[in-house]
PDB file of all heavy atoms in Angstrom:
ATOM      1  N   CYS A   1       0.794  -1.217  -0.010  1.00  0.00           N
ATOM      2  CA  CYS A   1       0.029   0.011   0.060  1.00  0.00           C
ATOM      3  C   CYS A   1       0.879   1.265   0.042  1.00  0.00           C
ATOM      4  O   CYS A   1       0.313   2.390   0.091  1.00  0.00           O
ATOM      5  CB  CYS A   1      -0.930   0.033   1.224  1.00  0.00           C
ATOM      6  SG  CYS A   1      -2.189  -1.349   1.157  1.00  0.00           S
ATOM      7  N   SER A   2       2.166   1.073  -0.049  1.00  0.00           N
ATOM      8  CA  SER A   2       3.078   2.236  -0.110  1.00  0.00           C
ATOM      9  C   SER A   2       3.274   2.694  -1.581  1.00  0.00           C
ATOM     10  O   SER A   2       2.819   2.011  -2.524  1.00  0.00           O
ATOM     11  CB  SER A   2       4.395   1.924   0.499  1.00  0.00           C
ATOM     12  OG  SER A   2       5.196   1.148  -0.397  1.00  0.00           O
ATOM     13  N   CYS A   3       3.940   3.832  -1.807  1.00  0.00           N
ATOM     14  CA  CYS A   3       4.252   4.238  -3.077  1.00  0.00           C
ATOM     15  C   CYS A   3       5.160   3.281  -3.872  1.00  0.00           C
ATOM     16  O   CYS A   3       5.266   3.337  -5.055  1.00  0.00           O
ATOM     17  CB  CYS A   3       4.829   5.645  -3.096  1.00  0.00           C
ATOM     18  SG  CYS A   3       6.378   5.767  -2.237  1.00  0.00           S
ATOM     19  N   LEU A   4       5.753   2.395  -3.111  1.00  0.00           N
ATOM     20  CA  LEU A   4       6.672   1.382  -3.736  1.00  0.00           C
ATOM     21  C   LEU A   4       5.837   0.191  -4.318  1.00  0.00           C
ATOM     22  O   LEU A   4       6.340  -0.563  -5.174  1.00  0.00           O
ATOM     23  CB  LEU A   4       7.631   0.877  -2.700  1.00  0.00           C
ATOM     24  CG  LEU A   4       8.688   1.947  -2.291  1.00  0.00           C
ATOM     25  CD1 LEU A   4       9.625   1.316  -1.215  1.00  0.00           C
ATOM     26  CD2 LEU A   4       9.475   2.486  -3.351  1.00  0.00           C
ATOM     27  N   GLY A   5       4.643  -0.066  -3.776  1.00  0.00           N
ATOM     28  CA  GLY A   5       3.854  -1.156  -4.236  1.00  0.00           C
ATOM     29  C   GLY A   5       4.601  -2.490  -4.001  1.00  0.00           C
ATOM     30  O   GLY A   5       5.173  -2.713  -3.036  1.00  0.00           O
ATOM     31  N   ALA A   6       4.589  -3.338  -5.120  1.00  0.00           N
ATOM     32  CA  ALA A   6       5.197  -4.625  -5.016  1.00  0.00           C
ATOM     33  C   ALA A   6       6.683  -4.598  -5.396  1.00  0.00           C
ATOM     34  O   ALA A   6       7.413  -5.586  -5.197  1.00  0.00           O
ATOM     35  CB  ALA A   6       4.522  -5.669  -5.877  1.00  0.00           C
ATOM     36  N   GLU A   7       7.181  -3.495  -5.858  1.00  0.00           N
ATOM     37  CA  GLU A   7       8.529  -3.399  -6.251  1.00  0.00           C
ATOM     38  C   GLU A   7       9.653  -3.917  -5.350  1.00  0.00           C
ATOM     39  O   GLU A   7      10.636  -4.636  -5.821  1.00  0.00           O
ATOM     40  CB  GLU A   7       8.889  -1.951  -6.644  1.00  0.00           C
ATOM     41  CG  GLU A   7      10.244  -1.812  -7.394  1.00  0.00           C
ATOM     42  CD  GLU A   7      10.534  -0.349  -7.748  1.00  0.00           C
ATOM     43  OE1 GLU A   7       9.572   0.357  -8.037  1.00  0.00           O
ATOM     44  OE2 GLU A   7      11.668   0.053  -7.773  1.00  0.00           O
ATOM     45  N   PRO A   8       9.613  -3.677  -4.060  1.00  0.00           N
ATOM     46  CA  PRO A   8      10.565  -4.185  -3.182  1.00  0.00           C
ATOM     47  C   PRO A   8      10.705  -5.715  -3.173  1.00  0.00           C
ATOM     48  O   PRO A   8      11.742  -6.273  -2.807  1.00  0.00           O
ATOM     49  CB  PRO A   8      10.235  -3.678  -1.801  1.00  0.00           C
ATOM     50  CG  PRO A   8       9.421  -2.395  -2.092  1.00  0.00           C
ATOM     51  CD  PRO A   8       8.683  -2.763  -3.344  1.00  0.00           C
ATOM     52  N   PHE A   9       9.580  -6.425  -3.547  1.00  0.00           N
ATOM     53  CA  PHE A   9       9.578  -7.877  -3.565  1.00  0.00           C
ATOM     54  C   PHE A   9      10.028  -8.527  -4.852  1.00  0.00           C
ATOM     55  O   PHE A   9      10.081  -9.649  -5.008  1.00  0.00           O
ATOM     56  CB  PHE A   9       8.112  -8.299  -3.280  1.00  0.00           C
ATOM     57  CG  PHE A   9       7.612  -8.114  -1.809  1.00  0.00           C
ATOM     58  CD1 PHE A   9       6.742  -7.039  -1.633  1.00  0.00           C
ATOM     59  CD2 PHE A   9       7.993  -8.881  -0.812  1.00  0.00           C
ATOM     60  CE1 PHE A   9       6.295  -6.709  -0.396  1.00  0.00           C
ATOM     61  CE2 PHE A   9       7.520  -8.615   0.492  1.00  0.00           C
ATOM     62  CZ  PHE A   9       6.687  -7.569   0.659  1.00  0.00           C
ATOM     63  N   LEU A  10      10.404  -7.635  -5.801  1.00  0.00           N
ATOM     64  CA  LEU A  10      10.690  -8.178  -7.187  1.00  0.00           C
ATOM     65  C   LEU A  10      12.199  -8.632  -7.162  1.00  0.00           C
ATOM     66  O   LEU A  10      12.638  -9.286  -8.128  1.00  0.00           O
ATOM     67  CB  LEU A  10      10.502  -7.078  -8.257  1.00  0.00           C
ATOM     68  CG  LEU A  10       9.026  -6.743  -8.334  1.00  0.00           C
ATOM     69  CD1 LEU A  10       8.931  -5.751  -9.514  1.00  0.00           C
ATOM     70  CD2 LEU A  10       8.233  -7.977  -8.540  1.00  0.00           C
ATOM     71  N   GLU A  11      13.088  -8.257  -6.264  1.00  0.00           N
ATOM     72  CA  GLU A  11      14.413  -8.749  -6.088  1.00  0.00           C
ATOM     73  C   GLU A  11      14.557  -9.380  -4.686  1.00  0.00           C
ATOM     74  O   GLU A  11      14.034  -8.748  -3.767  1.00  0.00           O
ATOM     75  CB  GLU A  11      15.333  -7.567  -6.312  1.00  0.00           C
ATOM     76  CG  GLU A  11      15.396  -6.943  -7.627  1.00  0.00           C
ATOM     77  CD  GLU A  11      15.794  -7.817  -8.761  1.00  0.00           C
ATOM     78  OE1 GLU A  11      16.705  -8.680  -8.549  1.00  0.00           O
ATOM     79  OE2 GLU A  11      15.328  -7.742  -9.857  1.00  0.00           O
ATOM     80  N   HIS A  12      15.258 -10.398  -4.577  1.00  0.00           N
ATOM     81  CA  HIS A  12      15.441 -11.050  -3.246  1.00  0.00           C
ATOM     82  C   HIS A  12      16.551 -10.390  -2.426  1.00  0.00           C
ATOM     83  O   HIS A  12      17.551  -9.967  -3.106  1.00  0.00           O
ATOM     84  CB  HIS A  12      15.663 -12.586  -3.431  1.00  0.00           C
ATOM     85  CG  HIS A  12      14.448 -13.396  -3.726  1.00  0.00           C
ATOM     86  ND1 HIS A  12      13.473 -13.605  -2.824  1.00  0.00           N
ATOM     87  CD2 HIS A  12      13.998 -13.897  -5.002  1.00  0.00           C
ATOM     88  CE1 HIS A  12      12.542 -14.317  -3.359  1.00  0.00           C
ATOM     89  NE2 HIS A  12      12.828 -14.548  -4.638  1.00  0.00           N
ATOM     90  N   VAL A  13      16.403 -10.350  -1.215  1.00  0.00           N
ATOM     91  CA  VAL A  13      17.402  -9.840  -0.311  1.00  0.00           C
ATOM     92  C   VAL A  13      18.024 -10.902   0.558  1.00  0.00           C
ATOM     93  O   VAL A  13      19.022 -10.678   1.175  1.00  0.00           O
ATOM     94  CB  VAL A  13      16.831  -8.641   0.551  1.00  0.00           C
ATOM     95  CG1 VAL A  13      16.615  -7.423  -0.309  1.00  0.00           C
ATOM     96  CG2 VAL A  13      15.732  -9.090   1.403  1.00  0.00           C
ATOM     97  N   PHE A  14      17.457 -12.091   0.671  1.00  0.00           N
ATOM     98  CA  PHE A  14      18.019 -13.219   1.343  1.00  0.00           C
ATOM     99  C   PHE A  14      17.533 -14.568   0.705  1.00  0.00           C
ATOM    100  O   PHE A  14      16.444 -14.665   0.163  1.00  0.00           O
ATOM    101  CB  PHE A  14      17.679 -13.130   2.840  1.00  0.00           C
ATOM    102  CG  PHE A  14      16.250 -13.156   3.165  1.00  0.00           C
ATOM    103  CD1 PHE A  14      15.679 -14.250   3.826  1.00  0.00           C
ATOM    104  CD2 PHE A  14      15.424 -12.091   3.051  1.00  0.00           C
ATOM    105  CE1 PHE A  14      14.315 -14.383   4.104  1.00  0.00           C
ATOM    106  CE2 PHE A  14      13.977 -12.105   3.305  1.00  0.00           C
ATOM    107  CZ  PHE A  14      13.503 -13.279   3.844  1.00  0.00           C
ATOM    108  N   PRO A  15      18.432 -15.532   0.900  1.00  0.00           N
ATOM    109  CA  PRO A  15      18.205 -16.854   0.155  1.00  0.00           C
ATOM    110  C   PRO A  15      16.894 -17.628   0.649  1.00  0.00           C
ATOM    111  O   PRO A  15      16.232 -18.286  -0.112  1.00  0.00           O
ATOM    112  CB  PRO A  15      19.374 -17.676   0.497  1.00  0.00           C
ATOM    113  CG  PRO A  15      20.452 -16.712   0.717  1.00  0.00           C
ATOM    114  CD  PRO A  15      19.761 -15.525   1.477  1.00  0.00           C
ATOM    115  N   ASP A  16      16.542 -17.563   1.975  1.00  0.00           N
ATOM    116  CA  ASP A  16      15.421 -18.285   2.443  1.00  0.00           C
ATOM    117  C   ASP A  16      14.093 -17.888   1.691  1.00  0.00           C
ATOM    118  O   ASP A  16      13.321 -18.780   1.507  1.00  0.00           O
ATOM    119  CB  ASP A  16      15.156 -18.098   3.905  1.00  0.00           C
ATOM    120  CG  ASP A  16      16.137 -18.777   4.800  1.00  0.00           C
ATOM    121  OD1 ASP A  16      16.870 -19.667   4.259  1.00  0.00           O
ATOM    122  OD2 ASP A  16      16.152 -18.510   5.962  1.00  0.00           O
ATOM    123  N   ALA A  17      14.001 -16.758   1.257  1.00  0.00           N
ATOM    124  CA  ALA A  17      12.699 -16.241   0.541  1.00  0.00           C
ATOM    125  C   ALA A  17      12.678 -16.889  -0.787  1.00  0.00           C
ATOM    126  O   ALA A  17      11.588 -17.226  -1.333  1.00  0.00           O
ATOM    127  CB  ALA A  17      12.712 -14.746   0.444  1.00  0.00           C
ATOM    128  N   VAL A  18      13.891 -17.161  -1.439  1.00  0.00           N
ATOM    129  CA  VAL A  18      13.936 -17.807  -2.739  1.00  0.00           C
ATOM    130  C   VAL A  18      13.480 -19.316  -2.596  1.00  0.00           C
ATOM    131  O   VAL A  18      12.627 -19.801  -3.302  1.00  0.00           O
ATOM    132  CB  VAL A  18      15.353 -17.769  -3.315  1.00  0.00           C
ATOM    133  CG1 VAL A  18      15.399 -18.606  -4.651  1.00  0.00           C
ATOM    134  CG2 VAL A  18      15.948 -16.458  -3.475  1.00  0.00           C
ATOM    135  N   VAL A  19      13.968 -19.929  -1.526  1.00  0.00           N
ATOM    136  CA  VAL A  19      13.554 -21.381  -1.327  1.00  0.00           C
ATOM    137  C   VAL A  19      12.101 -21.473  -1.055  1.00  0.00           C
ATOM    138  O   VAL A  19      11.474 -22.421  -1.626  1.00  0.00           O
ATOM    139  CB  VAL A  19      14.436 -21.927  -0.074  1.00  0.00           C
ATOM    140  CG1 VAL A  19      13.988 -23.324   0.290  1.00  0.00           C
ATOM    141  CG2 VAL A  19      15.924 -21.878  -0.444  1.00  0.00           C
ATOM    142  N   VAL A  20      11.542 -20.628  -0.293  1.00  0.00           N
ATOM    143  CA  VAL A  20      10.091 -20.799   0.172  1.00  0.00           C
ATOM    144  C   VAL A  20       9.165 -20.162  -0.886  1.00  0.00           C
ATOM    145  O   VAL A  20       8.159 -20.747  -1.141  1.00  0.00           O
ATOM    146  CB  VAL A  20       9.923 -20.294   1.517  1.00  0.00           C
ATOM    147  CG1 VAL A  20       8.476 -20.428   2.012  1.00  0.00           C
ATOM    148  CG2 VAL A  20      10.819 -21.002   2.555  1.00  0.00           C
ATOM    149  N   CYS A  21       9.474 -18.931  -1.405  1.00  0.00           N
ATOM    150  CA  CYS A  21       8.464 -18.207  -2.196  1.00  0.00           C
ATOM    151  C   CYS A  21       8.797 -18.296  -3.660  1.00  0.00           C
ATOM    152  O   CYS A  21       7.974 -17.761  -4.515  1.00  0.00           O
ATOM    153  CB  CYS A  21       8.470 -16.786  -1.794  1.00  0.00           C
ATOM    154  SG  CYS A  21       7.978 -16.539  -0.069  1.00  0.00           S
ATOM    155  N   GLY A  22       9.781 -18.958  -4.052  1.00  0.00           N
ATOM    156  CA  GLY A  22      10.310 -19.044  -5.440  1.00  0.00           C
ATOM    157  C   GLY A  22      11.073 -17.901  -5.932  1.00  0.00           C
ATOM    158  O   GLY A  22      11.425 -17.006  -5.056  1.00  0.00           O
ATOM    159  N   THR A  23      11.449 -17.871  -7.279  1.00  0.00           N
ATOM    160  CA  THR A  23      12.411 -16.891  -7.748  1.00  0.00           C
ATOM    161  C   THR A  23      11.714 -15.487  -7.802  1.00  0.00           C
ATOM    162  O   THR A  23      12.506 -14.517  -7.780  1.00  0.00           O
ATOM    163  CB  THR A  23      12.966 -17.309  -9.076  1.00  0.00           C
ATOM    164  OG1 THR A  23      11.808 -17.433  -9.948  1.00  0.00           O
ATOM    165  CG2 THR A  23      13.784 -18.512  -8.984  1.00  0.00           C
ATOM    166  N   ARG A  24      10.446 -15.415  -7.972  1.00  0.00           N
ATOM    167  CA  ARG A  24       9.822 -14.141  -8.086  1.00  0.00           C
ATOM    168  C   ARG A  24       8.325 -14.255  -7.907  1.00  0.00           C
ATOM    169  O   ARG A  24       7.705 -15.264  -8.234  1.00  0.00           O
ATOM    170  CB  ARG A  24       9.998 -13.621  -9.520  1.00  0.00           C
ATOM    171  CG  ARG A  24       9.744 -12.239  -9.733  1.00  0.00           C
ATOM    172  CD  ARG A  24      10.152 -11.803 -11.056  1.00  0.00           C
ATOM    173  NE  ARG A  24       9.804 -10.449 -11.367  1.00  0.00           N
ATOM    174  CZ  ARG A  24      10.628  -9.447 -11.609  1.00  0.00           C
ATOM    175  NH1 ARG A  24      11.878  -9.660 -11.641  1.00  0.00           N
ATOM    176  NH2 ARG A  24      10.211  -8.237 -11.693  1.00  0.00           N
ATOM    177  N   PRO A  25       7.721 -13.365  -7.137  1.00  0.00           N
ATOM    178  CA  PRO A  25       6.255 -13.368  -6.982  1.00  0.00           C
ATOM    179  C   PRO A  25       5.521 -12.967  -8.231  1.00  0.00           C
ATOM    180  O   PRO A  25       6.111 -12.218  -9.039  1.00  0.00           O
ATOM    181  CB  PRO A  25       6.008 -12.438  -5.837  1.00  0.00           C
ATOM    182  CG  PRO A  25       7.093 -11.409  -5.969  1.00  0.00           C
ATOM    183  CD  PRO A  25       8.316 -12.142  -6.468  1.00  0.00           C
ATOM    184  N   ALA A  26       4.341 -13.360  -8.309  1.00  0.00           N
ATOM    185  CA  ALA A  26       3.421 -12.781  -9.365  1.00  0.00           C
ATOM    186  C   ALA A  26       2.845 -11.482  -8.797  1.00  0.00           C
ATOM    187  O   ALA A  26       2.658 -11.409  -7.532  1.00  0.00           O
ATOM    188  CB  ALA A  26       2.241 -13.736  -9.640  1.00  0.00           C
ATOM    189  N   VAL A  27       2.561 -10.550  -9.680  1.00  0.00           N
ATOM    190  CA  VAL A  27       2.166  -9.184  -9.105  1.00  0.00           C
ATOM    191  C   VAL A  27       0.859  -8.775  -9.928  1.00  0.00           C
ATOM    192  O   VAL A  27       0.925  -8.822 -11.230  1.00  0.00           O
ATOM    193  CB  VAL A  27       3.223  -8.159  -9.288  1.00  0.00           C
ATOM    194  CG1 VAL A  27       2.637  -6.783  -8.788  1.00  0.00           C
ATOM    195  CG2 VAL A  27       4.411  -8.520  -8.356  1.00  0.00           C
ATOM    196  N   VAL A  28      -0.125  -8.388  -9.243  1.00  0.00           N
ATOM    197  CA  VAL A  28      -1.353  -7.700  -9.918  1.00  0.00           C
ATOM    198  C   VAL A  28      -1.533  -6.325  -9.408  1.00  0.00           C
ATOM    199  O   VAL A  28      -1.570  -6.044  -8.181  1.00  0.00           O
ATOM    200  CB  VAL A  28      -2.616  -8.569  -9.568  1.00  0.00           C
ATOM    201  CG1 VAL A  28      -3.779  -7.940 -10.140  1.00  0.00           C
ATOM    202  CG2 VAL A  28      -2.393 -10.017 -10.120  1.00  0.00           C
ATOM    203  N   PRO A  29      -1.506  -5.348 -10.338  1.00  0.00           N
ATOM    204  CA  PRO A  29      -1.860  -3.970  -9.913  1.00  0.00           C
ATOM    205  C   PRO A  29      -3.256  -3.927  -9.223  1.00  0.00           C
ATOM    206  O   PRO A  29      -3.979  -4.761  -9.494  1.00  0.00           O
ATOM    207  CB  PRO A  29      -1.730  -3.205 -11.216  1.00  0.00           C
ATOM    208  CG  PRO A  29      -1.186  -4.072 -12.223  1.00  0.00           C
ATOM    209  CD  PRO A  29      -1.396  -5.432 -11.748  1.00  0.00           C
ATOM    210  N   TYR A  30      -3.420  -2.803  -8.517  1.00  0.00           N
ATOM    211  CA  TYR A  30      -4.771  -2.714  -7.859  1.00  0.00           C
ATOM    212  C   TYR A  30      -5.906  -2.739  -8.899  1.00  0.00           C
ATOM    213  O   TYR A  30      -5.913  -2.010  -9.903  1.00  0.00           O
ATOM    214  CB  TYR A  30      -4.900  -1.428  -7.064  1.00  0.00           C
ATOM    215  CG  TYR A  30      -6.262  -1.324  -6.466  1.00  0.00           C
ATOM    216  CD1 TYR A  30      -6.533  -2.049  -5.310  1.00  0.00           C
ATOM    217  CD2 TYR A  30      -7.306  -0.577  -7.006  1.00  0.00           C
ATOM    218  CE1 TYR A  30      -7.809  -2.034  -4.744  1.00  0.00           C
ATOM    219  CE2 TYR A  30      -8.495  -0.525  -6.459  1.00  0.00           C
ATOM    220  CZ  TYR A  30      -8.815  -1.344  -5.267  1.00  0.00           C
ATOM    221  OH  TYR A  30     -10.055  -1.361  -4.757  1.00  0.00           O
ATOM    222  N   VAL A  31      -6.874  -3.544  -8.610  1.00  0.00           N
ATOM    223  CA  VAL A  31      -8.066  -3.627  -9.335  1.00  0.00           C
ATOM    224  C   VAL A  31      -9.193  -3.870  -8.343  1.00  0.00           C
ATOM    225  O   VAL A  31      -8.967  -4.731  -7.404  1.00  0.00           O
ATOM    226  CB  VAL A  31      -8.105  -4.787 -10.403  1.00  0.00           C
ATOM    227  CG1 VAL A  31      -9.427  -4.943 -11.079  1.00  0.00           C
ATOM    228  CG2 VAL A  31      -7.004  -4.588 -11.400  1.00  0.00           C
ATOM    229  N   ALA A  32     -10.293  -3.186  -8.431  1.00  0.00           N
ATOM    230  CA  ALA A  32     -11.344  -3.415  -7.415  1.00  0.00           C
ATOM    231  C   ALA A  32     -11.843  -4.836  -7.359  1.00  0.00           C
ATOM    232  O   ALA A  32     -11.887  -5.560  -8.410  1.00  0.00           O
ATOM    233  CB  ALA A  32     -12.563  -2.493  -7.739  1.00  0.00           C
ATOM    234  N   PRO A  33     -12.126  -5.382  -6.238  1.00  0.00           N
ATOM    235  CA  PRO A  33     -12.552  -6.737  -6.021  1.00  0.00           C
ATOM    236  C   PRO A  33     -13.781  -7.049  -6.896  1.00  0.00           C
ATOM    237  O   PRO A  33     -14.613  -6.150  -7.123  1.00  0.00           O
ATOM    238  CB  PRO A  33     -12.890  -6.844  -4.582  1.00  0.00           C
ATOM    239  CG  PRO A  33     -12.078  -5.842  -3.912  1.00  0.00           C
ATOM    240  CD  PRO A  33     -12.015  -4.643  -4.889  1.00  0.00           C
TER     241      PRO A  33
END
């Protein structure tokens, strides 16, 4: 919900996140439910 959106999650900062969450998350811009 910040001005950064999902951008900080597009590059990994530690290996455990790669192992558990995969190489990259899928991202959907805001769309009303």
